[in-house]
Structures are given as C-alpha cells and as structure tokens.
Protein backbone atom coordinates (compact mmCIF):
# COMPACT_ATOMS: atom_id res chain seq x y z
CA MET A 1 -14.49 -40.84 27.08
CA SER A 2 -13.57 -41.63 23.49
CA TYR A 3 -17.29 -41.40 22.32
CA LEU A 4 -17.46 -37.89 23.82
CA ASN A 5 -14.32 -36.92 22.03
CA ARG A 6 -15.82 -38.25 18.76
CA VAL A 7 -19.03 -36.45 19.03
CA PHE A 8 -17.19 -33.10 20.26
CA ALA A 9 -14.78 -33.28 17.38
CA ALA A 10 -17.71 -33.89 14.97
CA ARG A 11 -19.66 -31.09 16.14
CA PHE A 12 -16.49 -28.73 16.16
CA MET A 13 -15.69 -29.76 12.39
CA LYS A 14 -19.23 -29.04 11.45
CA THR A 15 -19.18 -25.78 13.11
CA LEU A 16 -15.75 -25.02 11.60
CA LEU A 17 -16.96 -25.98 8.42
CA ILE A 18 -19.88 -23.55 8.51
CA ILE A 19 -17.68 -20.70 9.66
CA CYS A 20 -15.46 -21.46 6.67
CA CYS A 21 -18.33 -21.24 4.16
CA ILE A 22 -19.76 -18.04 5.78
CA ALA A 23 -16.29 -16.34 5.61
CA LEU A 24 -15.74 -17.60 2.07
CA LEU A 25 -19.22 -15.99 1.15
CA ILE A 26 -18.32 -12.89 2.78
CA ALA A 27 -15.00 -12.65 1.04
CA ALA A 28 -16.56 -13.45 -2.34
CA ILE A 29 -19.21 -10.55 -1.71
CA TRP A 30 -16.55 -8.21 -0.71
CA PHE A 31 -14.14 -8.93 -3.80
CA LEU A 32 -17.27 -9.03 -6.36
CA GLY A 33 -19.24 -6.06 -4.83
CA PRO A 34 -17.43 -3.08 -6.53
CA PHE A 35 -17.79 -5.17 -10.06
CA LEU A 36 -21.47 -5.83 -9.58
CA SER A 37 -22.46 -2.59 -8.20
CA THR A 38 -23.94 0.06 -10.56
CA THR A 39 -23.98 2.91 -8.33
CA GLY A 40 -20.82 5.16 -7.51
CA LYS A 41 -19.54 4.59 -11.28
CA LYS A 42 -17.98 7.65 -12.58
C-alpha cells in the first residue's frame, strides 16, 4: 500500500508542478503582454 501511495504522490507532485509552471507562464504573459504589444498604443 505504501508503494501505491508513493507512486500516486510522485505523479500528483509532477502534475502539480506542471500546473504551477503553466499558471506562472500565463501570469507572465498577462502582465508583460501590454508592455510588449505595439497595437493599441495611443
């Protein structure tokens, strides 16, 4: 049973890490997008 818990925990941590990386990437694009865009400048 502990082996299954370890495998599940490792898989869950890897999935959580991927989700956090994607969220950080989206946040970075959301914050930096207005600075990098050339359209819409007045």
